[in-house]
Structure formats: structure tokens, C-alpha cells
């Protein structure tokens, strides 16, 4: 995944393959978290408090939105900061 991130800005086939590798890695990581949560849910008791795991999406949405806004408005520094934060 790290090598793909380094090469993502490359033009041509290398950039396309790198972007594809990063996408596949992200799907793999997300699937791993989903499977882990399903396994942990097997050990829940009826009296356990409710979990709010959906709140973890907010930082990703803010950083992703910052990257999109920065690239649309032409602020390369803002785009780089959102990229590094993600």
C-alpha cells in the first residue's frame, strides 16, 4: 500500500496500477475491520452498552472533503495537508 501511495502521482500505467493497488489495499483493510467487528459481536452480552462506531467516519469525511475542496479551489497546500492527515 505504501509503495502504491508513493507512485500514485506517476503518469501512465504506473500511476494507474498504483491507484488500483491502493484501492484494493483499502478494501482489504476495511474488510478486515468488518470481520473483526463481527467476531467481537459474538461475545456481546445482552446488557452491554450500545457502541457508536459510526462516529469514526467523521474524521475521514472531513479530511476527504478537505482534499476535494483543496483540489477544486487550487490550494495545493491544503490538498497536501489533507492527504497527509488521511
C-alpha atoms as a PDB file:
ATOM      1  CA  UNK A   1       0.000   0.000   0.000  1.00  0.00           C
ATOM      2  CA  UNK A   2       2.812   2.416   0.820  1.00  0.00           C
ATOM      3  CA  UNK A   3       4.591   1.803  -2.480  1.00  0.00           C
ATOM      4  CA  UNK A   4       1.335   2.418  -4.307  1.00  0.00           C
ATOM      5  CA  UNK A   5       0.855   5.713  -2.480  1.00  0.00           C
ATOM      6  CA  UNK A   6       4.350   6.797  -3.446  1.00  0.00           C
ATOM      7  CA  UNK A   7       3.744   6.005  -7.123  1.00  0.00           C
ATOM      8  CA  UNK A   8       0.157   7.276  -7.355  1.00  0.00           C
ATOM      9  CA  UNK A   9       1.227  10.593  -8.858  1.00  0.00           C
ATOM     10  CA  UNK A  10       3.154   8.938 -11.682  1.00  0.00           C
ATOM     11  CA  UNK A  11       1.803   9.373 -15.196  1.00  0.00           C
ATOM     12  CA  UNK A  12       0.764   6.472 -17.352  1.00  0.00           C
ATOM     13  CA  UNK A  13       0.455   2.817 -16.495  1.00  0.00           C
ATOM     14  CA  UNK A  14       2.488   3.030 -13.275  1.00  0.00           C
ATOM     15  CA  UNK A  15       0.100   5.579 -11.779  1.00  0.00           C
ATOM     16  CA  UNK A  16      -2.939   3.561 -12.804  1.00  0.00           C
ATOM     17  CA  UNK A  17      -1.572   0.355 -11.328  1.00  0.00           C
ATOM     18  CA  UNK A  18      -0.526   2.187  -8.160  1.00  0.00           C
ATOM     19  CA  UNK A  19      -4.001   3.692  -7.735  1.00  0.00           C
ATOM     20  CA  UNK A  20      -5.562   0.277  -8.255  1.00  0.00           C
ATOM     21  CA  UNK A  21      -3.207  -1.246  -5.676  1.00  0.00           C
ATOM     22  CA  UNK A  22      -4.123   1.423  -3.115  1.00  0.00           C
ATOM     23  CA  UNK A  23      -7.836   0.876  -3.755  1.00  0.00           C
ATOM     24  CA  UNK A  24      -7.534  -2.900  -3.348  1.00  0.00           C
ATOM     25  CA  UNK A  25      -5.488  -2.433  -0.173  1.00  0.00           C
ATOM     26  CA  UNK A  26      -8.098  -0.071   1.273  1.00  0.00           C
ATOM     27  CA  UNK A  27     -10.868  -2.572   0.548  1.00  0.00           C
ATOM     28  CA  UNK A  28      -8.797  -5.324   2.171  1.00  0.00           C
ATOM     29  CA  UNK A  29      -8.186  -3.261   5.302  1.00  0.00           C
ATOM     30  CA  UNK A  30     -11.843  -2.248   5.560  1.00  0.00           C
ATOM     31  CA  UNK A  31     -12.951  -5.862   5.156  1.00  0.00           C
ATOM     32  CA  UNK A  32     -10.565  -6.913   7.898  1.00  0.00           C
ATOM     33  CA  UNK A  33     -12.117  -4.389  10.275  1.00  0.00           C
ATOM     34  CA  UNK A  34     -15.617  -5.586   9.381  1.00  0.00           C
ATOM     35  CA  UNK A  35     -14.743  -9.237  10.017  1.00  0.00           C
ATOM     36  CA  UNK A  36     -13.064  -8.345  13.319  1.00  0.00           C
ATOM     37  CA  UNK A  37     -16.166  -6.440  14.444  1.00  0.00           C
ATOM     38  CA  UNK A  38     -18.378  -9.394  13.563  1.00  0.00           C
ATOM     39  CA  UNK A  39     -16.186 -11.701  15.631  1.00  0.00           C
ATOM     40  CA  UNK A  40     -16.265  -9.302  18.586  1.00  0.00           C
ATOM     41  CA  UNK A  41     -20.059  -9.046  18.313  1.00  0.00           C
ATOM     42  CA  UNK A  42     -20.292 -12.771  19.033  1.00  0.00           C
ATOM     43  CA  UNK A  43     -19.109 -12.105  22.591  1.00  0.00           C
ATOM     44  CA  UNK A  44     -21.588  -9.325  23.412  1.00  0.00           C
ATOM     45  CA  UNK A  45     -23.887  -9.763  26.349  1.00  0.00           C
ATOM     46  CA  UNK A  46     -27.489  -8.514  26.310  1.00  0.00           C
ATOM     47  CA  UNK A  47     -26.728  -5.881  28.981  1.00  0.00           C
ATOM     48  CA  UNK A  48     -23.697  -4.318  27.258  1.00  0.00           C
ATOM     49  CA  UNK A  49     -23.993  -0.614  26.345  1.00  0.00           C
ATOM     50  CA  UNK A  50     -24.558   0.392  22.738  1.00  0.00           C
ATOM     51  CA  UNK A  51     -21.463   1.168  20.669  1.00  0.00           C
ATOM     52  CA  UNK A  52     -21.201   4.215  18.418  1.00  0.00           C
ATOM     53  CA  UNK A  53     -18.704   3.025  15.816  1.00  0.00           C
ATOM     54  CA  UNK A  54     -20.251   5.129  13.077  1.00  0.00           C
ATOM     55  CA  UNK A  55     -18.641   8.227  14.624  1.00  0.00           C
ATOM     56  CA  UNK A  56     -15.273   7.061  13.265  1.00  0.00           C
ATOM     57  CA  UNK A  57     -16.431   8.038   9.769  1.00  0.00           C
ATOM     58  CA  UNK A  58     -16.464  11.762  10.622  1.00  0.00           C
ATOM     59  CA  UNK A  59     -12.675  12.403  10.565  1.00  0.00           C
ATOM     60  CA  UNK A  60     -12.360  10.543   7.264  1.00  0.00           C
ATOM     61  CA  UNK A  61     -15.199  12.608   5.789  1.00  0.00           C
ATOM     62  CA  UNK A  62     -13.636  15.872   6.977  1.00  0.00           C
ATOM     63  CA  UNK A  63     -10.176  15.022   5.644  1.00  0.00           C
ATOM     64  CA  UNK A  64     -11.570  13.688   2.378  1.00  0.00           C
ATOM     65  CA  UNK A  65     -13.746  16.772   1.970  1.00  0.00           C
ATOM     66  CA  UNK A  66     -10.713  18.969   2.651  1.00  0.00           C
ATOM     67  CA  UNK A  67      -8.740  17.197  -0.040  1.00  0.00           C
ATOM     68  CA  UNK A  68     -11.567  17.571  -2.555  1.00  0.00           C
ATOM     69  CA  UNK A  69     -12.187  21.238  -1.746  1.00  0.00           C
ATOM     70  CA  UNK A  70      -8.462  21.957  -1.883  1.00  0.00           C
ATOM     71  CA  UNK A  71      -8.044  20.351  -5.272  1.00  0.00           C
ATOM     72  CA  UNK A  72     -11.132  22.065  -6.710  1.00  0.00           C
ATOM     73  CA  UNK A  73     -10.086  25.511  -5.473  1.00  0.00           C
ATOM     74  CA  UNK A  74      -6.456  25.008  -6.482  1.00  0.00           C
ATOM     75  CA  UNK A  75      -4.919  25.131  -2.988  1.00  0.00           C
ATOM     76  CA  UNK A  76      -2.118  22.606  -3.325  1.00  0.00           C
ATOM     77  CA  UNK A  77      -1.017  23.109   0.306  1.00  0.00           C
ATOM     78  CA  UNK A  78      -4.489  22.321   1.633  1.00  0.00           C
ATOM     79  CA  UNK A  79      -4.685  19.233  -0.546  1.00  0.00           C
ATOM     80  CA  UNK A  80      -1.288  18.042   0.676  1.00  0.00           C
ATOM     81  CA  UNK A  81      -2.248  18.586   4.341  1.00  0.00           C
ATOM     82  CA  UNK A  82      -5.485  16.642   3.933  1.00  0.00           C
ATOM     83  CA  UNK A  83      -3.573  13.895   2.116  1.00  0.00           C
ATOM     84  CA  UNK A  84      -1.016  13.663   4.910  1.00  0.00           C
ATOM     85  CA  UNK A  85      -3.721  13.700   7.570  1.00  0.00           C
ATOM     86  CA  UNK A  86      -5.571  10.847   5.923  1.00  0.00           C
END
